[in-house]
C-alpha cells in the first residue's frame, strides 16, 4: 500500500542490526516522506552485456529481465567500475572509485568500516535492510571494523527477509546470485535446450564447438539467475509491494572467459542494466547515457530523500529515471588492482582506463607483468590465474601454437603495452591496439590527459606516489 502516514521514531526491527552490526538495539528515525520507495537490487555474478533478449541476443532466454526492461528503463551504456567481484561490489555499496577504498580495491580483501555503505545509510533512516546469496565479497571481515557483510544482515532468501518487514515500512534488499559464476556443469546448456548453432561468439574467442558449448553453459546459468529474479518479483507482487518498489537488475562484472572478466575491455566492464519503478519510470524507455556503478548508491539515496555524502565520486541518475536529462556524462572511468593472487610476490596488474563512445584508452602501470597472471601457477587458480579455469581457457592454452588459435592466445595472455587505444567505431571488439599509430596521436593525448586529471581529482595514489600499496594488502582467498 502507499505510505500515507508520517513515521517518526520506531524501534529497531527484530532481525536487523545497527550499521556494521555493532551496538545495542537503538531507535532509528524514519524519514518523514511517504514517497520513499522500496529498493530491490538483483545482481548477477559474472554476466556481460549484451547477453539478454532485450539487447538482441538471439540465444539466451531472459524473459524476466526482458519484461522488467519493457516495464521500465533499459540502459545500453552501464559500466562496472572494476571487472572484479569484490572491488565492483565495494564501488556499488560506497559510491566511490575503488582507488579510494584502500584494501577494498582488491579481490579477497576487506572493506574498512570507515567507508560508509548504502545499507548502513538507509538503515540509519529507518529502512529495513538485508541480503541473500552473495553480498559484498569475496573477502574477509577480519580487521575491517565490521561485524556483518557490507551488504547488510544475511537472510536465507527474500521471503524470510520480507516476513520481518512491517507493512508500509521501506526496505532495501540485495539479491546476490552466484550465477553465472563458474564452475559450470559441462553441456548443461545443451541439455537445457540451447543450440550451439545460434551462439554469437565474441570476436576475441575462437569460433569452435568447445567455445560455443562453453558459452551455452554460461547462458544456462544466466537463465537460472533470470528465473530466480522472477520468483522474487512474483513474491513482491503477491505481497502488494510491487507498485512501491524500484527494481534494479544488473551484474557485477563480465563473463568468466579469457579477455573478459578481470579485464578493462568491453566484455569485462560493460554490464546489463534495467530499472523498473512504477509511476516514476516510463515503460519501454531506453537510454544510451553513460552510467557508472558508483552511481547506484547516490541514486538510491536521492530516491530515499537522503543527501549524498561528499566522499562519493558517483552521481545520481534520478533524472534519467524520471525521463529527464541527467548531467551530461560522455565517459566512464575503469580500473583494477589485484584480482586473484596469481603473480609471484603477490603482485597486482594495475590499470586505469577511460571509455567514451568513440574510444577505450587503457593505461597499464606495470606492463612488465603478465596481465592474466604468471604463466605457471603461483598460489591459486592455475597458470594465467586471473582467467577462470574453463574449456575455453584450456583450448587456448593447449593449442596456442596452432595458427588459428595463436592470435586469441596472445589477446588473452601475452604482455601488453603501457598504453592501449581502441577505435570502437572501427573495432568494437577491441582487437587492434592503435595507440602507436600517428593518426591517433591527438585522441590518445586527449584521453590520457583526461584520465590523469580524473585520477588526480579523485585522489588516486597511482597518479601521485604510485607505490604498489595494493600488492601489500592481505589476501584472504584460496592459496593464501
Protein backbone atom coordinates (compact mmCIF):
# COMPACT_ATOMS: atom_id res chain seq x y z
CA UNK A 1 0.00 0.00 0.00
CA UNK A 2 1.07 3.63 -0.42
CA UNK A 3 2.50 5.08 2.77
CA UNK A 4 0.33 7.98 3.85
CA UNK A 5 1.38 8.41 7.46
CA UNK A 6 4.47 10.23 8.64
CA UNK A 7 6.51 7.84 10.75
CA UNK A 8 8.61 9.35 13.50
CA UNK A 9 10.78 7.03 15.57
CA UNK A 10 10.42 3.26 15.61
CA UNK A 11 12.39 0.60 17.46
CA UNK A 12 14.96 -1.42 15.59
CA UNK A 13 13.17 -4.21 13.74
CA UNK A 14 13.73 -7.70 15.07
CA UNK A 15 16.36 -9.41 12.99
CA UNK A 16 18.00 -6.19 11.87
CA UNK A 17 21.13 -4.78 13.46
CA UNK A 18 22.77 -1.41 13.70
CA UNK A 19 25.17 -0.28 10.98
CA UNK A 20 28.22 -2.59 10.85
CA UNK A 21 26.32 -4.93 13.15
CA UNK A 22 27.58 -3.22 16.30
CA UNK A 23 25.95 -1.64 19.30
CA UNK A 24 22.82 -2.37 21.26
CA UNK A 25 19.32 -2.10 19.90
CA UNK A 26 18.51 1.50 19.20
CA UNK A 27 15.79 3.73 17.82
CA UNK A 28 16.12 4.86 14.22
CA UNK A 29 14.45 7.81 12.59
CA UNK A 30 12.31 7.03 9.57
CA UNK A 31 12.36 9.84 7.05
CA UNK A 32 9.11 11.79 7.04
CA UNK A 33 8.35 11.22 3.37
CA UNK A 34 5.64 8.88 2.20
CA UNK A 35 7.26 8.50 -1.24
CA UNK A 36 10.36 6.62 -0.08
CA UNK A 37 10.49 3.55 -2.34
CA UNK A 38 11.40 0.01 -1.51
CA UNK A 39 14.55 -0.95 -3.42
CA UNK A 40 15.19 -4.45 -4.76
CA UNK A 41 18.70 -4.79 -6.14
CA UNK A 42 19.27 -8.05 -8.07
CA UNK A 43 22.88 -8.59 -9.08
CA UNK A 44 24.27 -11.48 -11.09
CA UNK A 45 27.82 -12.79 -10.70
CA UNK A 46 29.88 -12.56 -13.95
CA UNK A 47 27.20 -11.66 -16.54
CA UNK A 48 28.16 -9.48 -19.52
CA UNK A 49 26.26 -7.12 -21.76
CA UNK A 50 24.62 -7.84 -24.23
CA UNK A 51 23.55 -11.31 -23.11
CA UNK A 52 19.81 -10.76 -22.72
CA UNK A 53 16.92 -10.88 -25.13
CA UNK A 54 16.21 -7.19 -24.53
CA UNK A 55 19.62 -6.42 -26.06
CA UNK A 56 19.00 -8.61 -29.10
CA UNK A 57 20.77 -11.79 -28.03
CA UNK A 58 19.08 -14.50 -30.07
CA UNK A 59 20.13 -17.46 -27.90
CA UNK A 60 19.88 -16.79 -24.18
CA UNK A 61 16.36 -16.77 -22.72
CA UNK A 62 15.85 -13.92 -20.25
CA UNK A 63 12.08 -13.32 -20.07
CA UNK A 64 12.17 -11.71 -16.61
CA UNK A 65 14.90 -9.22 -17.47
CA UNK A 66 13.17 -8.51 -20.77
CA UNK A 67 9.80 -7.96 -19.07
CA UNK A 68 11.28 -5.60 -16.47
CA UNK A 69 13.01 -3.70 -19.29
CA UNK A 70 9.68 -3.43 -21.14
CA UNK A 71 8.09 -2.07 -17.95
CA UNK A 72 10.92 0.33 -17.17
CA UNK A 73 14.19 1.78 -18.45
CA UNK A 74 16.85 -0.22 -20.32
CA UNK A 75 20.44 1.06 -20.15
CA UNK A 76 22.81 0.42 -23.03
CA UNK A 77 25.93 2.06 -21.57
CA UNK A 78 26.18 0.90 -17.98
CA UNK A 79 29.70 0.03 -16.79
CA UNK A 80 31.03 -1.56 -13.64
CA UNK A 81 33.93 0.31 -12.06
CA UNK A 82 36.19 -2.73 -11.85
CA UNK A 83 35.91 -6.14 -13.57
CA UNK A 84 36.49 -7.99 -10.31
CA UNK A 85 33.76 -9.13 -7.89
CA UNK A 86 34.96 -7.68 -4.59
CA UNK A 87 36.05 -4.33 -6.00
CA UNK A 88 32.95 -3.89 -8.16
CA UNK A 89 30.63 -4.59 -5.24
CA UNK A 90 32.60 -2.24 -3.00
CA UNK A 91 32.17 0.56 -5.56
CA UNK A 92 28.43 -0.12 -5.75
CA UNK A 93 27.97 -0.06 -1.98
CA UNK A 94 30.13 3.00 -1.27
CA UNK A 95 29.53 5.09 -4.39
CA UNK A 96 33.28 5.57 -4.62
CA UNK A 97 36.03 4.81 -7.10
CA UNK A 98 37.92 1.75 -5.89
CA UNK A 99 41.28 3.53 -5.64
CA UNK A 100 39.76 5.47 -2.71
CA UNK A 101 38.85 2.28 -0.82
CA UNK A 102 42.34 1.00 0.08
CA UNK A 103 42.03 -2.79 0.66
CA UNK A 104 38.56 -2.61 -0.87
CA UNK A 105 40.10 -2.42 -4.35
CA UNK A 106 41.41 -6.00 -4.18
CA UNK A 107 39.67 -9.32 -4.68
CA UNK A 108 39.59 -11.32 -1.43
CA UNK A 109 40.39 -8.23 0.61
CA UNK A 110 38.45 -6.22 3.19
CA UNK A 111 36.24 -3.15 3.08
CA UNK A 112 37.17 -0.94 6.05
CA UNK A 113 34.22 0.29 8.10
CA UNK A 114 35.26 3.92 7.69
CA UNK A 115 33.85 3.73 4.17
CA UNK A 116 30.11 4.22 4.58
CA UNK A 117 27.94 1.73 2.71
CA UNK A 118 24.45 2.13 1.30
CA UNK A 119 22.65 -0.32 3.63
CA UNK A 120 24.05 1.45 6.70
CA UNK A 121 22.97 4.84 5.40
CA UNK A 122 19.47 3.60 4.57
CA UNK A 123 19.12 1.71 7.82
CA UNK A 124 20.00 4.82 9.80
CA UNK A 125 16.99 6.49 8.20
CA UNK A 126 14.60 3.67 9.05
CA UNK A 127 14.91 1.31 6.10
CA UNK A 128 14.83 -2.41 6.75
CA UNK A 129 17.92 -3.82 5.01
CA UNK A 130 19.18 -7.27 4.15
CA UNK A 131 20.67 -9.54 1.55
CA UNK A 132 20.72 -13.15 0.42
CA UNK A 133 23.25 -15.08 -1.62
CA UNK A 134 26.43 -13.23 -2.50
CA UNK A 135 26.67 -9.79 -0.92
CA UNK A 136 29.92 -7.88 -0.82
CA UNK A 137 32.87 -10.15 -1.47
CA UNK A 138 34.56 -12.47 -1.66
CA UNK A 139 36.58 -11.13 1.22
CA UNK A 140 37.01 -11.04 4.97
CA UNK A 141 35.62 -9.04 7.86
CA UNK A 142 38.92 -9.52 9.73
CA UNK A 143 40.41 -6.15 10.56
CA UNK A 144 37.66 -4.26 8.74
CA UNK A 145 35.85 -2.95 11.81
CA UNK A 146 32.66 -4.61 10.57
CA UNK A 147 30.72 -7.45 12.14
CA UNK A 148 28.42 -8.11 9.20
CA UNK A 149 28.65 -8.11 5.44
CA UNK A 150 28.66 -4.57 3.99
CA UNK A 151 25.55 -5.56 2.03
CA UNK A 152 23.65 -5.87 5.32
CA UNK A 153 22.39 -8.68 7.54
CA UNK A 154 22.10 -12.06 5.80
CA UNK A 155 18.83 -13.87 5.16
CA UNK A 156 18.14 -17.29 3.71
CA UNK A 157 16.01 -15.75 0.96
CA UNK A 158 13.79 -12.80 0.11
CA UNK A 159 10.74 -14.46 1.64
CA UNK A 160 12.40 -14.75 5.04
CA UNK A 161 13.50 -11.12 4.84
CA UNK A 162 10.10 -9.83 3.77
CA UNK A 163 8.29 -11.58 6.61
CA UNK A 164 10.24 -9.39 9.05
CA UNK A 165 9.50 -6.10 7.32
CA UNK A 166 6.47 -4.35 8.85
CA UNK A 167 3.72 -3.42 6.44
CA UNK A 168 4.31 0.02 4.99
CA UNK A 169 7.94 0.08 6.10
CA UNK A 170 10.50 0.86 3.35
CA UNK A 171 13.14 -1.76 2.63
CA UNK A 172 16.34 -2.30 0.70
CA UNK A 173 17.13 -5.88 -0.31
CA UNK A 174 20.22 -7.11 -2.16
CA UNK A 175 19.68 -10.38 -4.01
CA UNK A 176 23.15 -11.59 -4.91
CA UNK A 177 23.04 -14.60 -7.18
CA UNK A 178 26.05 -16.88 -7.61
CA UNK A 179 25.10 -17.33 -11.27
CA UNK A 180 26.64 -17.36 -13.82
CA UNK A 181 29.93 -17.75 -11.92
CA UNK A 182 31.96 -20.84 -12.73
CA UNK A 183 32.29 -23.79 -12.46
CA UNK A 184 29.62 -24.97 -14.91
CA UNK A 185 28.19 -28.42 -15.43
CA UNK A 186 29.59 -29.48 -18.79
CA UNK A 187 26.99 -29.35 -21.61
CA UNK A 188 24.25 -28.25 -19.22
CA UNK A 189 23.29 -25.56 -21.73
CA UNK A 190 22.63 -28.07 -24.48
CA UNK A 191 20.66 -30.31 -22.12
CA UNK A 192 18.66 -27.22 -21.22
CA UNK A 193 17.56 -26.81 -24.82
CA UNK A 194 20.08 -24.24 -26.08
CA UNK A 195 21.60 -24.65 -29.53
CA UNK A 196 25.33 -24.10 -30.19
CA UNK A 197 24.46 -23.08 -33.76
CA UNK A 198 22.80 -19.89 -32.52
CA UNK A 199 25.68 -18.63 -30.37
CA UNK A 200 27.29 -15.32 -31.33
CA UNK A 201 30.91 -15.96 -30.34
CA UNK A 202 32.67 -12.77 -29.14
CA UNK A 203 35.43 -11.75 -31.56
CA UNK A 204 38.23 -12.28 -29.03
CA UNK A 205 37.43 -16.01 -28.75
CA UNK A 206 37.91 -18.67 -31.45
CA UNK A 207 34.68 -19.87 -33.03
CA UNK A 208 34.92 -23.56 -32.16
CA UNK A 209 32.48 -26.15 -30.87
CA UNK A 210 34.25 -26.14 -27.50
CA UNK A 211 33.81 -22.41 -27.08
CA UNK A 212 30.21 -22.46 -28.28
CA UNK A 213 29.29 -25.18 -25.79
CA UNK A 214 31.09 -23.33 -23.01
CA UNK A 215 29.11 -20.18 -23.78
CA UNK A 216 25.88 -22.21 -23.71
CA UNK A 217 26.71 -23.46 -20.22
CA UNK A 218 27.24 -19.83 -19.20
CA UNK A 219 23.91 -18.91 -20.81
CA UNK A 220 22.21 -21.69 -18.86
CA UNK A 221 23.26 -20.07 -15.59
CA UNK A 222 22.21 -16.63 -16.83
CA UNK A 223 18.79 -18.17 -17.39
CA UNK A 224 18.72 -19.59 -13.86
CA UNK A 225 19.51 -16.12 -12.46
CA UNK A 226 16.66 -14.74 -14.54
CA UNK A 227 14.25 -17.36 -13.16
CA UNK A 228 15.34 -16.68 -9.58
CA UNK A 229 14.69 -12.97 -10.01
CA UNK A 230 11.28 -13.90 -11.41
CA UNK A 231 10.41 -15.81 -8.24
CA UNK A 232 11.33 -12.77 -6.13
CA UNK A 233 9.21 -10.46 -8.29
CA UNK A 234 6.30 -12.87 -8.04
CA UNK A 235 6.51 -12.77 -4.25
CA UNK A 236 6.79 -8.99 -4.35
CA UNK A 237 3.56 -8.84 -6.32
CA UNK A 238 1.71 -11.26 -4.06
CA UNK A 239 2.52 -9.15 -1.01
CA UNK A 240 1.22 -5.98 -2.66
CA UNK A 241 4.56 -4.20 -2.63
CA UNK A 242 5.41 -4.16 -6.33
CA UNK A 243 3.99 -0.72 -7.05
CA UNK A 244 6.13 0.88 -4.34
CA UNK A 245 9.36 -0.89 -5.30
CA UNK A 246 12.23 0.20 -7.51
CA UNK A 247 13.57 -2.97 -9.14
CA UNK A 248 17.14 -2.96 -10.44
CA UNK A 249 18.67 -5.92 -12.33
CA UNK A 250 22.34 -5.95 -13.26
CA UNK A 251 25.66 -7.80 -12.85
CA UNK A 252 28.91 -7.15 -11.00
CA UNK A 253 31.43 -7.74 -13.81
CA UNK A 254 31.90 -9.56 -17.08
CA UNK A 255 31.65 -13.15 -18.23
CA UNK A 256 34.32 -15.58 -16.91
CA UNK A 257 36.14 -16.08 -20.21
CA UNK A 258 39.59 -15.08 -21.46
CA UNK A 259 39.91 -11.31 -22.13
CA UNK A 260 36.56 -10.64 -20.42
CA UNK A 261 36.34 -10.83 -16.61
CA UNK A 262 39.31 -9.15 -14.85
CA UNK A 263 39.99 -7.03 -17.96
CA UNK A 264 39.05 -3.42 -18.66
CA UNK A 265 37.79 -4.34 -22.12
CA UNK A 266 34.19 -4.44 -23.31
CA UNK A 267 33.16 -7.87 -22.06
CA UNK A 268 34.77 -7.27 -18.68
CA UNK A 269 33.11 -3.95 -17.83
CA UNK A 270 30.01 -3.35 -20.00
CA UNK A 271 27.02 -4.52 -17.97
CA UNK A 272 23.33 -5.32 -18.45
CA UNK A 273 21.09 -2.93 -16.52
CA UNK A 274 17.40 -2.25 -16.31
CA UNK A 275 15.34 -0.32 -13.74
CA UNK A 276 11.59 -0.54 -13.14
CA UNK A 277 9.85 1.93 -10.84
CA UNK A 278 6.07 2.15 -11.33
CA UNK A 279 4.80 5.69 -11.56
CA UNK A 280 8.30 7.15 -11.87
CA UNK A 281 9.98 5.37 -14.79
CA UNK A 282 8.26 5.33 -18.17
CA UNK A 283 7.63 1.84 -19.53
CA UNK A 284 9.65 0.70 -22.51
CA UNK A 285 12.20 3.52 -22.33
CA UNK A 286 15.84 3.16 -23.30
CA UNK A 287 18.88 5.34 -22.69
CA UNK A 288 22.36 5.50 -24.20
CA UNK A 289 23.62 7.71 -21.37
CA UNK A 290 26.79 6.55 -19.65
CA UNK A 291 26.24 5.20 -16.14
CA UNK A 292 28.94 4.11 -13.71
CA UNK A 293 28.30 1.64 -10.93
CA UNK A 294 29.43 4.32 -8.46
CA UNK A 295 26.13 5.98 -9.38
CA UNK A 296 23.87 3.37 -7.77
CA UNK A 297 24.24 4.49 -4.17
CA UNK A 298 23.81 8.24 -4.90
CA UNK A 299 20.70 7.38 -6.94
CA UNK A 300 19.16 5.21 -4.23
CA UNK A 301 19.93 7.81 -1.58
CA UNK A 302 18.24 10.53 -3.62
CA UNK A 303 15.22 8.29 -4.13
CA UNK A 304 15.05 7.86 -0.35
CA UNK A 305 15.46 11.58 0.28
CA UNK A 306 18.93 11.25 1.81
CA UNK A 307 21.79 13.57 0.97
CA UNK A 308 24.72 12.10 -0.90
CA UNK A 309 27.91 12.07 1.24
CA UNK A 310 30.60 14.33 -0.17
CA UNK A 311 33.13 11.48 -0.35
CA UNK A 312 31.20 9.72 -3.09
CA UNK A 313 32.57 10.04 -6.62
CA UNK A 314 29.37 8.73 -8.18
CA UNK A 315 26.39 10.85 -9.17
CA UNK A 316 22.67 10.18 -9.10
CA UNK A 317 20.92 9.26 -12.34
CA UNK A 318 17.46 10.01 -10.94
CA UNK A 319 16.89 12.48 -13.78
CA UNK A 320 17.30 9.64 -16.27
CA UNK A 321 14.79 7.52 -14.37
CA UNK A 322 12.30 10.37 -14.45
CA UNK A 323 12.66 10.82 -18.18
CA UNK A 324 14.73 13.95 -17.90
CA UNK A 325 18.30 14.65 -18.87
CA UNK A 326 20.93 13.96 -16.27
CA UNK A 327 24.10 15.98 -16.02
CA UNK A 328 25.91 15.20 -19.27
CA UNK A 329 28.46 12.38 -18.99
CA UNK A 330 30.33 11.34 -22.09
CA UNK A 331 32.70 8.86 -20.45
CA UNK A 332 33.20 6.41 -17.61
CA UNK A 333 36.40 5.53 -15.78
CA UNK A 334 37.52 1.95 -15.21
CA UNK A 335 40.23 0.43 -13.04
CA UNK A 336 41.65 -2.68 -11.48
CA UNK A 337 44.20 -3.70 -8.92
CA UNK A 338 44.90 -7.23 -7.63
CA UNK A 339 42.37 -9.79 -8.79
CA UNK A 340 43.40 -13.35 -7.92
CA UNK A 341 46.76 -13.80 -6.19
CA UNK A 342 48.47 -15.23 -9.24
CA UNK A 343 51.82 -13.42 -9.60
CA UNK A 344 54.96 -14.23 -7.68
CA UNK A 345 55.31 -11.67 -4.90
CA UNK A 346 51.51 -11.19 -4.55
CA UNK A 347 51.62 -8.62 -7.33
CA UNK A 348 48.64 -6.94 -8.98
CA UNK A 349 48.22 -5.83 -12.56
CA UNK A 350 47.29 -2.18 -12.01
CA UNK A 351 45.43 -0.49 -14.84
CA UNK A 352 43.21 2.54 -15.34
CA UNK A 353 41.04 3.40 -18.33
CA UNK A 354 38.63 5.90 -19.81
CA UNK A 355 35.78 4.67 -22.00
CA UNK A 356 33.91 7.07 -24.31
CA UNK A 357 31.51 6.38 -27.15
CA UNK A 358 34.42 6.54 -29.60
CA UNK A 359 37.41 5.09 -27.75
CA UNK A 360 38.76 2.93 -24.98
CA UNK A 361 42.08 4.19 -23.63
CA UNK A 362 43.92 1.93 -21.15
CA UNK A 363 46.98 2.74 -19.05
CA UNK A 364 48.90 -0.29 -17.76
CA UNK A 365 51.15 0.77 -14.89
CA UNK A 366 53.24 -2.42 -14.75
CA UNK A 367 53.45 -3.71 -18.35
CA UNK A 368 56.38 -5.94 -17.41
CA UNK A 369 53.95 -8.18 -15.51
CA UNK A 370 51.71 -10.82 -17.07
CA UNK A 371 48.20 -9.30 -17.39
CA UNK A 372 46.41 -12.59 -16.78
CA UNK A 373 48.81 -13.84 -14.10
CA UNK A 374 52.09 -15.73 -14.24
CA UNK A 375 52.33 -18.50 -16.88
CA UNK A 376 52.81 -21.02 -14.07
CA UNK A 377 50.57 -21.34 -11.02
CA UNK A 378 51.71 -19.16 -8.11
CA UNK A 379 49.18 -19.59 -5.29
CA UNK A 380 45.76 -20.13 -6.78
CA UNK A 381 43.64 -20.99 -9.82
CA UNK A 382 46.39 -22.24 -12.17
CA UNK A 383 48.55 -20.79 -14.95
CA UNK A 384 47.41 -17.33 -16.05
CA UNK A 385 45.17 -17.49 -13.00
CA UNK A 386 43.31 -14.22 -13.44
CA UNK A 387 41.33 -16.17 -16.05
CA UNK A 388 38.95 -18.69 -14.52
CA UNK A 389 39.54 -22.33 -15.42
CA UNK A 390 37.28 -23.34 -18.29
CA UNK A 391 37.13 -25.37 -21.51
CA UNK A 392 37.67 -22.12 -23.45
CA UNK A 393 40.81 -21.27 -21.49
CA UNK A 394 42.13 -24.80 -21.77
CA UNK A 395 41.62 -24.71 -25.53
CA UNK A 396 43.75 -21.57 -25.83
CA UNK A 397 46.48 -23.00 -23.60
CA UNK A 398 46.67 -26.43 -25.17
CA UNK A 399 46.57 -25.31 -28.82
CA UNK A 400 48.39 -21.98 -28.57
CA UNK A 401 50.84 -22.96 -31.30
CA UNK A 402 48.07 -23.57 -33.86
CA UNK A 403 47.89 -20.77 -36.41
CA UNK A 404 44.13 -20.38 -35.90
CA UNK A 405 44.36 -20.17 -32.10
CA UNK A 406 47.59 -18.22 -31.58
CA UNK A 407 46.03 -14.75 -32.12
CA UNK A 408 43.39 -15.45 -29.48
CA UNK A 409 46.01 -16.74 -27.06
CA UNK A 410 48.03 -13.55 -27.50
CA UNK A 411 44.98 -11.34 -26.91
CA UNK A 412 44.18 -13.12 -23.67
CA UNK A 413 47.56 -13.85 -22.11
CA UNK A 414 50.54 -12.04 -23.58
CA UNK A 415 52.09 -8.90 -22.09
CA UNK A 416 50.63 -5.55 -23.08
CA UNK A 417 51.96 -2.11 -23.88
CA UNK A 418 51.96 0.74 -21.32
CA UNK A 419 49.18 2.46 -23.26
CA UNK A 420 46.40 0.88 -25.31
CA UNK A 421 43.87 2.62 -27.52
CA UNK A 422 40.92 1.09 -29.34
CA UNK A 423 38.81 2.77 -32.02
CA UNK A 424 35.35 1.50 -31.19
CA UNK A 425 33.69 2.64 -34.39
CA UNK A 426 36.03 0.53 -36.49
CA UNK A 427 36.91 -2.11 -33.91
CA UNK A 428 34.03 -2.71 -31.48
CA UNK A 429 35.61 -5.97 -30.36
CA UNK A 430 38.73 -4.09 -29.23
CA UNK A 431 41.13 -6.40 -31.05
CA UNK A 432 43.53 -3.90 -32.61
CA UNK A 433 45.56 -1.55 -30.39
CA UNK A 434 46.09 1.71 -32.32
CA UNK A 435 47.96 3.59 -29.60
CA UNK A 436 51.18 3.71 -31.64
CA UNK A 437 49.57 4.87 -34.88
CA UNK A 438 50.29 8.55 -35.64
CA UNK A 439 46.78 9.32 -36.87
CA UNK A 440 45.51 8.57 -33.35
CA UNK A 441 48.09 10.67 -31.52
CA UNK A 442 45.71 13.52 -30.77
CA UNK A 443 42.96 11.24 -29.49
CA UNK A 444 45.41 9.33 -27.31
CA UNK A 445 46.89 12.52 -25.86
CA UNK A 446 43.47 13.98 -25.13
CA UNK A 447 42.19 10.83 -23.41
CA UNK A 448 45.41 10.34 -21.45
CA UNK A 449 45.22 13.89 -20.12
CA UNK A 450 41.58 13.49 -19.19
CA UNK A 451 42.25 10.22 -17.36
CA UNK A 452 45.13 11.77 -15.44
CA UNK A 453 43.01 14.76 -14.45
CA UNK A 454 40.27 12.48 -13.11
CA UNK A 455 42.73 10.32 -11.17
CA UNK A 456 44.22 13.39 -9.53
CA UNK A 457 40.83 14.93 -8.79
CA UNK A 458 39.64 11.74 -7.09
CA UNK A 459 42.86 11.14 -5.16
CA UNK A 460 44.24 8.05 -6.88
CA UNK A 461 47.67 7.15 -5.44
CA UNK A 462 48.65 5.84 -8.88
CA UNK A 463 48.59 9.43 -10.12
CA UNK A 464 50.95 10.66 -7.41
CA UNK A 465 53.17 8.25 -5.47
CA UNK A 466 52.37 5.08 -7.47
CA UNK A 467 53.76 2.88 -4.71
CA UNK A 468 52.08 -0.50 -5.32
CA UNK A 469 50.37 -0.40 -1.92
CA UNK A 470 47.68 -2.81 -3.12
CA UNK A 471 50.29 -5.56 -3.52
CA UNK A 472 50.98 -5.39 0.23
CA UNK A 473 47.40 -5.69 1.43
CA UNK A 474 46.45 -9.11 2.89
CA UNK A 475 44.90 -11.67 0.57
CA UNK A 476 42.26 -13.88 2.21
CA UNK A 477 41.47 -16.11 -0.73
CA UNK A 478 42.44 -19.62 -1.86
CA UNK A 479 46.13 -20.46 -1.69
CA UNK A 480 46.95 -17.78 0.88
